[in-house]
Amino acid sequence: MDLNNLALYKLLTRKMDWLTQRQGTLSQNVANADTPDYRPNDLRPFSFRDALADSRRLQASTTNATHLQGTVPAGGLAKEQRVRNPYETAPDGNAVVLEEQLMKVSQTAMDYQTMTNLYRKQIAMLKMALGRGGA
């Protein structure tokens, strides 16, 4: 049984991938906290509605070099965006607020742990339904 074919697991995996990419983006913000003129970045918020819409969209495949590639841009949900109105800006132009970034990092870690627990619970439920689960 391939769990990647089940829609719930696809969504959980996509959310976990998004959280991983967000953690990387936030760590870059923290690493550049002293870089002059650096503006913090973040990912576009993950929406299960958008993820479902993307999963229903068929991807065009090209079998000939003259075929068009399609109009859907690559990259999916995890597009970086600049923070438009930073709360604070240092005299050197740096707009990274460490407290804000660290709160986002901890929230992202908690969300990832929640997704991991959901994944684990779903696996346990499937094992129980198949008669292979323990108590």
N, C-alpha and C. Protein backbone atom coordinates (compact mmCIF):
# COMPACT_ATOMS: atom_id res chain seq x y z
N MET A 1 0.84 -1.17 0.00
CA MET A 1 0.00 0.00 0.00
C MET A 1 0.89 1.23 0.00
N ASP A 2 0.73 2.05 -1.00
CA ASP A 2 1.51 3.27 -1.13
C ASP A 2 0.73 4.43 -0.53
N LEU A 3 1.22 4.98 0.57
CA LEU A 3 0.51 6.07 1.24
C LEU A 3 0.54 7.36 0.44
N ASN A 4 1.48 7.49 -0.49
CA ASN A 4 1.56 8.70 -1.30
C ASN A 4 0.38 8.85 -2.24
N ASN A 5 -0.39 7.78 -2.44
CA ASN A 5 -1.56 7.87 -3.31
C ASN A 5 -2.80 8.36 -2.57
N LEU A 6 -2.75 8.42 -1.26
CA LEU A 6 -3.89 8.89 -0.48
C LEU A 6 -3.82 10.41 -0.33
N ALA A 7 -4.95 11.08 -0.55
CA ALA A 7 -4.98 12.54 -0.56
C ALA A 7 -4.56 13.14 0.78
N LEU A 8 -4.98 12.53 1.88
CA LEU A 8 -4.64 13.07 3.20
C LEU A 8 -3.13 13.08 3.40
N TYR A 9 -2.46 12.01 3.01
CA TYR A 9 -1.02 11.94 3.19
C TYR A 9 -0.29 12.90 2.25
N LYS A 10 -0.84 13.10 1.07
CA LYS A 10 -0.25 14.09 0.17
C LYS A 10 -0.30 15.47 0.79
N LEU A 11 -1.46 15.82 1.38
CA LEU A 11 -1.60 17.13 2.00
C LEU A 11 -0.69 17.28 3.22
N LEU A 12 -0.63 16.25 4.04
CA LEU A 12 0.26 16.31 5.20
C LEU A 12 1.72 16.47 4.76
N THR A 13 2.10 15.76 3.72
CA THR A 13 3.47 15.85 3.22
C THR A 13 3.75 17.23 2.65
N ARG A 14 2.79 17.80 1.92
CA ARG A 14 2.99 19.14 1.37
C ARG A 14 3.10 20.18 2.47
N LYS A 15 2.28 20.05 3.50
CA LYS A 15 2.35 20.99 4.62
C LYS A 15 3.70 20.86 5.32
N MET A 16 4.18 19.63 5.51
CA MET A 16 5.47 19.43 6.15
C MET A 16 6.60 19.97 5.28
N ASP A 17 6.50 19.82 3.96
CA ASP A 17 7.50 20.39 3.06
C ASP A 17 7.51 21.92 3.15
N TRP A 18 6.30 22.51 3.20
CA TRP A 18 6.18 23.95 3.31
C TRP A 18 6.81 24.43 4.62
N LEU A 19 6.53 23.72 5.71
CA LEU A 19 7.10 24.10 7.01
C LEU A 19 8.62 23.99 7.00
N THR A 20 9.16 22.98 6.32
CA THR A 20 10.61 22.83 6.20
C THR A 20 11.21 24.01 5.44
N GLN A 21 10.58 24.38 4.33
CA GLN A 21 11.08 25.51 3.54
C GLN A 21 10.96 26.82 4.32
N ARG A 22 9.89 26.96 5.09
CA ARG A 22 9.71 28.17 5.89
C ARG A 22 10.78 28.26 6.97
N GLN A 23 11.09 27.13 7.58
CA GLN A 23 12.13 27.13 8.61
C GLN A 23 13.46 27.58 8.01
N GLY A 24 13.76 27.15 6.79
CA GLY A 24 14.99 27.59 6.12
C GLY A 24 14.98 29.08 5.83
N THR A 25 13.87 29.60 5.38
CA THR A 25 13.75 31.03 5.10
C THR A 25 13.90 31.85 6.37
N LEU A 26 13.26 31.41 7.45
CA LEU A 26 13.37 32.12 8.72
C LEU A 26 14.79 32.07 9.28
N SER A 27 15.47 30.94 9.07
CA SER A 27 16.86 30.84 9.55
C SER A 27 17.77 31.79 8.77
N GLN A 28 17.47 32.01 7.49
CA GLN A 28 18.23 33.00 6.72
C GLN A 28 17.99 34.40 7.27
N ASN A 29 16.76 34.68 7.67
CA ASN A 29 16.46 35.98 8.26
C ASN A 29 17.27 36.19 9.54
N VAL A 30 17.30 35.17 10.39
CA VAL A 30 18.05 35.27 11.65
C VAL A 30 19.55 35.40 11.37
N ALA A 31 20.04 34.65 10.39
CA ALA A 31 21.47 34.70 10.06
C ALA A 31 21.87 36.08 9.52
N ASN A 32 20.94 36.78 8.89
CA ASN A 32 21.24 38.10 8.33
C ASN A 32 20.74 39.23 9.21
N ALA A 33 20.62 38.99 10.50
CA ALA A 33 20.10 40.00 11.42
C ALA A 33 21.01 41.22 11.52
N ASP A 34 22.27 41.08 11.17
CA ASP A 34 23.21 42.21 11.24
C ASP A 34 23.64 42.70 9.87
N THR A 35 23.05 42.18 8.82
CA THR A 35 23.42 42.59 7.46
C THR A 35 22.72 43.90 7.10
N PRO A 36 23.49 44.92 6.71
CA PRO A 36 22.85 46.20 6.35
C PRO A 36 21.88 46.05 5.19
N ASP A 37 20.78 46.77 5.26
CA ASP A 37 19.74 46.83 4.23
C ASP A 37 19.07 45.49 3.94
N TYR A 38 19.17 44.54 4.85
CA TYR A 38 18.51 43.25 4.65
C TYR A 38 17.05 43.35 5.10
N ARG A 39 16.17 42.86 4.26
CA ARG A 39 14.74 42.81 4.57
C ARG A 39 14.36 41.36 4.79
N PRO A 40 13.61 41.06 5.86
CA PRO A 40 13.23 39.66 6.12
C PRO A 40 12.28 39.13 5.06
N ASN A 41 12.38 37.85 4.80
CA ASN A 41 11.51 37.16 3.86
C ASN A 41 10.65 36.16 4.61
N ASP A 42 9.57 35.76 4.00
CA ASP A 42 8.72 34.71 4.55
C ASP A 42 8.04 34.04 3.37
N LEU A 43 7.48 32.88 3.60
CA LEU A 43 6.75 32.20 2.54
C LEU A 43 5.30 32.64 2.55
N ARG A 44 4.69 32.51 1.40
CA ARG A 44 3.25 32.77 1.32
C ARG A 44 2.56 31.76 2.22
N PRO A 45 1.57 32.18 3.01
CA PRO A 45 0.93 31.24 3.95
C PRO A 45 0.37 30.01 3.24
N PHE A 46 0.53 28.87 3.90
CA PHE A 46 0.02 27.61 3.36
C PHE A 46 -1.48 27.56 3.58
N SER A 47 -2.19 27.21 2.54
CA SER A 47 -3.64 27.09 2.63
C SER A 47 -4.04 25.72 2.09
N PHE A 48 -4.78 24.96 2.90
CA PHE A 48 -5.21 23.65 2.43
C PHE A 48 -6.14 23.79 1.23
N ARG A 49 -6.89 24.88 1.17
CA ARG A 49 -7.78 25.12 0.01
C ARG A 49 -6.95 25.25 -1.27
N ASP A 50 -5.86 26.03 -1.20
CA ASP A 50 -4.98 26.17 -2.37
C ASP A 50 -4.30 24.86 -2.71
N ALA A 51 -3.90 24.12 -1.68
CA ALA A 51 -3.23 22.83 -1.91
C ALA A 51 -4.17 21.85 -2.59
N LEU A 52 -5.43 21.84 -2.18
CA LEU A 52 -6.41 20.97 -2.84
C LEU A 52 -6.64 21.39 -4.28
N ALA A 53 -6.71 22.69 -4.51
CA ALA A 53 -6.91 23.17 -5.88
C ALA A 53 -5.73 22.81 -6.76
N ASP A 54 -4.51 22.92 -6.22
CA ASP A 54 -3.31 22.56 -6.99
C ASP A 54 -3.26 21.07 -7.27
N SER A 55 -3.73 20.25 -6.32
CA SER A 55 -3.65 18.80 -6.52
C SER A 55 -4.67 18.33 -7.56
N ARG A 56 -5.74 19.09 -7.75
CA ARG A 56 -6.74 18.71 -8.75
C ARG A 56 -6.36 19.14 -10.16
N ARG A 57 -5.43 20.08 -10.24
CA ARG A 57 -5.02 20.60 -11.54
C ARG A 57 -4.14 19.58 -12.26
N LEU A 58 -4.45 19.28 -13.48
CA LEU A 58 -3.66 18.34 -14.26
C LEU A 58 -2.42 19.02 -14.81
N GLN A 59 -1.33 18.33 -14.76
CA GLN A 59 -0.09 18.85 -15.30
C GLN A 59 0.06 18.39 -16.74
N ALA A 60 0.39 19.33 -17.60
CA ALA A 60 0.58 19.00 -19.01
C ALA A 60 1.93 18.34 -19.20
N SER A 61 1.96 17.32 -20.02
CA SER A 61 3.24 16.69 -20.33
C SER A 61 3.53 16.93 -21.81
N THR A 62 4.79 17.16 -22.09
CA THR A 62 5.18 17.41 -23.47
C THR A 62 5.83 16.16 -24.04
N THR A 63 5.31 15.73 -25.15
CA THR A 63 5.87 14.56 -25.82
C THR A 63 6.62 14.96 -27.08
N ASN A 64 6.55 16.25 -27.40
CA ASN A 64 7.20 16.75 -28.58
C ASN A 64 7.82 18.10 -28.22
N ALA A 65 8.95 18.43 -28.82
CA ALA A 65 9.64 19.68 -28.51
C ALA A 65 8.82 20.90 -28.90
N THR A 66 7.86 20.76 -29.81
CA THR A 66 7.05 21.90 -30.25
C THR A 66 5.83 22.13 -29.37
N HIS A 67 5.59 21.26 -28.38
CA HIS A 67 4.45 21.45 -27.48
C HIS A 67 4.71 22.62 -26.53
N LEU A 68 3.65 23.28 -26.12
CA LEU A 68 3.78 24.36 -25.15
C LEU A 68 3.95 23.77 -23.76
N GLN A 69 4.63 24.49 -22.88
CA GLN A 69 4.90 24.01 -21.54
C GLN A 69 3.74 24.21 -20.59
N GLY A 70 2.83 25.10 -20.87
CA GLY A 70 1.71 25.36 -19.96
C GLY A 70 1.84 26.74 -19.35
N THR A 71 0.81 27.15 -18.63
CA THR A 71 0.80 28.49 -18.07
C THR A 71 0.95 28.53 -16.56
N VAL A 72 0.97 27.39 -15.90
CA VAL A 72 1.11 27.36 -14.44
C VAL A 72 2.57 27.53 -14.10
N PRO A 73 2.91 28.56 -13.31
CA PRO A 73 4.32 28.76 -12.96
C PRO A 73 4.82 27.67 -12.04
N ALA A 74 6.10 27.35 -12.18
CA ALA A 74 6.71 26.35 -11.31
C ALA A 74 6.92 26.93 -9.92
N GLY A 75 7.04 26.06 -8.94
CA GLY A 75 7.30 26.53 -7.59
C GLY A 75 6.19 26.22 -6.63
N GLY A 76 4.98 26.10 -7.11
CA GLY A 76 3.87 25.72 -6.26
C GLY A 76 3.57 26.72 -5.17
N LEU A 77 3.30 26.21 -3.97
CA LEU A 77 2.86 27.04 -2.87
C LEU A 77 3.98 27.77 -2.16
N ALA A 78 5.17 27.25 -2.23
CA ALA A 78 6.26 27.77 -1.42
C ALA A 78 7.01 28.89 -2.12
N LYS A 79 6.34 30.00 -2.34
CA LYS A 79 6.97 31.15 -2.97
C LYS A 79 7.36 32.14 -1.89
N GLU A 80 8.60 32.61 -1.98
CA GLU A 80 9.05 33.60 -1.00
C GLU A 80 8.43 34.94 -1.31
N GLN A 81 8.19 35.68 -0.26
CA GLN A 81 7.72 37.04 -0.44
C GLN A 81 8.41 37.91 0.59
N ARG A 82 8.66 39.14 0.22
CA ARG A 82 9.29 40.07 1.17
C ARG A 82 8.23 40.57 2.14
N VAL A 83 8.68 40.82 3.36
CA VAL A 83 7.78 41.42 4.34
C VAL A 83 7.61 42.87 3.93
N ARG A 84 6.38 43.26 3.68
CA ARG A 84 6.12 44.59 3.12
C ARG A 84 6.37 45.74 4.10
N ASN A 85 5.80 45.67 5.25
CA ASN A 85 5.91 46.75 6.22
C ASN A 85 6.59 46.25 7.49
N PRO A 86 7.91 46.27 7.51
CA PRO A 86 8.57 45.77 8.71
C PRO A 86 8.22 46.65 9.92
N TYR A 87 8.16 46.00 11.06
CA TYR A 87 7.80 46.70 12.29
C TYR A 87 8.89 47.69 12.70
N GLU A 88 10.11 47.26 12.61
CA GLU A 88 11.24 48.11 12.98
C GLU A 88 12.28 48.07 11.87
N THR A 89 13.03 49.15 11.76
CA THR A 89 14.16 49.18 10.84
C THR A 89 15.33 49.83 11.58
N ALA A 90 16.45 49.15 11.58
CA ALA A 90 17.65 49.66 12.24
C ALA A 90 18.21 50.82 11.42
N PRO A 91 19.07 51.62 12.02
CA PRO A 91 19.68 52.74 11.28
C PRO A 91 20.45 52.30 10.03
N ASP A 92 20.97 51.07 10.03
CA ASP A 92 21.69 50.59 8.85
C ASP A 92 20.75 50.03 7.79
N GLY A 93 19.45 50.08 8.02
CA GLY A 93 18.47 49.63 7.02
C GLY A 93 18.01 48.20 7.22
N ASN A 94 18.54 47.50 8.21
CA ASN A 94 18.15 46.12 8.46
C ASN A 94 16.80 46.10 9.16
N ALA A 95 15.88 45.29 8.65
CA ALA A 95 14.52 45.25 9.20
C ALA A 95 14.20 43.94 9.91
N VAL A 96 15.23 43.15 10.25
CA VAL A 96 14.99 41.88 10.93
C VAL A 96 14.81 42.15 12.43
N VAL A 97 13.68 41.73 12.95
CA VAL A 97 13.42 41.80 14.39
C VAL A 97 13.58 40.38 14.91
N LEU A 98 14.63 40.14 15.67
CA LEU A 98 14.96 38.78 16.10
C LEU A 98 13.83 38.14 16.90
N GLU A 99 13.19 38.89 17.77
CA GLU A 99 12.10 38.32 18.58
C GLU A 99 10.97 37.82 17.68
N GLU A 100 10.64 38.61 16.68
CA GLU A 100 9.57 38.22 15.76
C GLU A 100 9.96 36.97 14.96
N GLN A 101 11.19 36.93 14.49
CA GLN A 101 11.66 35.79 13.71
C GLN A 101 11.71 34.52 14.57
N LEU A 102 12.17 34.65 15.81
CA LEU A 102 12.25 33.49 16.69
C LEU A 102 10.87 32.99 17.09
N MET A 103 9.90 33.89 17.21
CA MET A 103 8.53 33.45 17.47
C MET A 103 7.99 32.66 16.28
N LYS A 104 8.30 33.13 15.07
CA LYS A 104 7.87 32.41 13.87
C LYS A 104 8.56 31.05 13.77
N VAL A 105 9.84 31.00 14.14
CA VAL A 105 10.58 29.73 14.12
C VAL A 105 9.95 28.74 15.09
N SER A 106 9.63 29.19 16.30
CA SER A 106 9.04 28.27 17.27
C SER A 106 7.64 27.85 16.85
N GLN A 107 6.85 28.74 16.26
CA GLN A 107 5.52 28.38 15.78
C GLN A 107 5.63 27.36 14.64
N THR A 108 6.59 27.54 13.77
CA THR A 108 6.80 26.61 12.67
C THR A 108 7.21 25.24 13.19
N ALA A 109 8.07 25.21 14.21
CA ALA A 109 8.48 23.93 14.80
C ALA A 109 7.30 23.23 15.45
N MET A 110 6.44 23.99 16.14
CA MET A 110 5.26 23.38 16.77
C MET A 110 4.29 22.86 15.70
N ASP A 111 4.12 23.60 14.63
CA ASP A 111 3.25 23.15 13.54
C ASP A 111 3.79 21.87 12.90
N TYR A 112 5.11 21.80 12.74
CA TYR A 112 5.72 20.61 12.16
C TYR A 112 5.51 19.40 13.08
N GLN A 113 5.66 19.61 14.38
CA GLN A 113 5.42 18.53 15.34
C GLN A 113 3.97 18.08 15.29
N THR A 114 3.05 19.01 15.14
CA THR A 114 1.62 18.67 15.01
C THR A 114 1.37 17.83 13.77
N MET A 115 1.97 18.22 12.65
CA MET A 115 1.80 17.44 11.41
C MET A 115 2.40 16.05 11.57
N THR A 116 3.54 15.95 12.25
CA THR A 116 4.16 14.65 12.49
C THR A 116 3.26 13.77 13.34
N ASN A 117 2.66 14.35 14.38
CA ASN A 117 1.74 13.59 15.22
C ASN A 117 0.50 13.14 14.46
N LEU A 118 -0.04 14.02 13.61
CA LEU A 118 -1.18 13.64 12.77
C LEU A 118 -0.82 12.48 11.85
N TYR A 119 0.33 12.56 11.25
CA TYR A 119 0.82 11.51 10.36
C TYR A 119 0.92 10.19 11.11
N ARG A 120 1.54 10.25 12.29
CA ARG A 120 1.72 9.06 13.12
C ARG A 120 0.38 8.46 13.52
N LYS A 121 -0.58 9.31 13.91
CA LYS A 121 -1.90 8.83 14.33
C LYS A 121 -2.65 8.18 13.16
N GLN A 122 -2.53 8.76 11.99
CA GLN A 122 -3.20 8.19 10.81
C GLN A 122 -2.61 6.83 10.46
N ILE A 123 -1.29 6.68 10.58
CA ILE A 123 -0.65 5.39 10.32
C ILE A 123 -1.14 4.35 11.32
N ALA A 124 -1.21 4.75 12.61
CA ALA A 124 -1.68 3.83 13.65
C ALA A 124 -3.13 3.43 13.39
N MET A 125 -3.95 4.36 12.94
CA MET A 125 -5.35 4.07 12.65
C MET A 125 -5.47 3.09 11.48
N LEU A 126 -4.65 3.28 10.45
CA LEU A 126 -4.67 2.35 9.32
C LEU A 126 -4.21 0.95 9.74
N LYS A 127 -3.17 0.90 10.57
CA LYS A 127 -2.69 -0.41 11.05
C LYS A 127 -3.77 -1.11 11.86
N MET A 128 -4.49 -0.33 12.68
CA MET A 128 -5.55 -0.91 13.48
C MET A 128 -6.68 -1.42 12.59
N ALA A 129 -7.01 -0.67 11.55
CA ALA A 129 -8.07 -1.08 10.63
C ALA A 129 -7.68 -2.34 9.86
N LEU A 130 -6.39 -2.50 9.61
CA LEU A 130 -5.92 -3.69 8.90
C LEU A 130 -5.68 -4.87 9.84
N GLY A 131 -5.85 -4.63 11.15
CA GLY A 131 -5.67 -5.71 12.12
C GLY A 131 -4.24 -5.93 12.51
N ARG A 132 -3.37 -4.98 12.23
CA ARG A 132 -1.95 -5.14 12.54
C ARG A 132 -1.51 -4.21 13.67
N GLY A 133 -2.42 -3.39 14.16
CA GLY A 133 -2.05 -2.41 15.16
C GLY A 133 -2.05 -2.98 16.56
N GLY A 134 -1.16 -2.45 17.35
CA GLY A 134 -1.11 -2.83 18.75
C GLY A 134 -2.04 -1.93 19.56
N ALA A 135 -2.12 -2.15 20.81
CA ALA A 135 -3.00 -1.36 21.67
C ALA A 135 -2.51 0.00 21.91
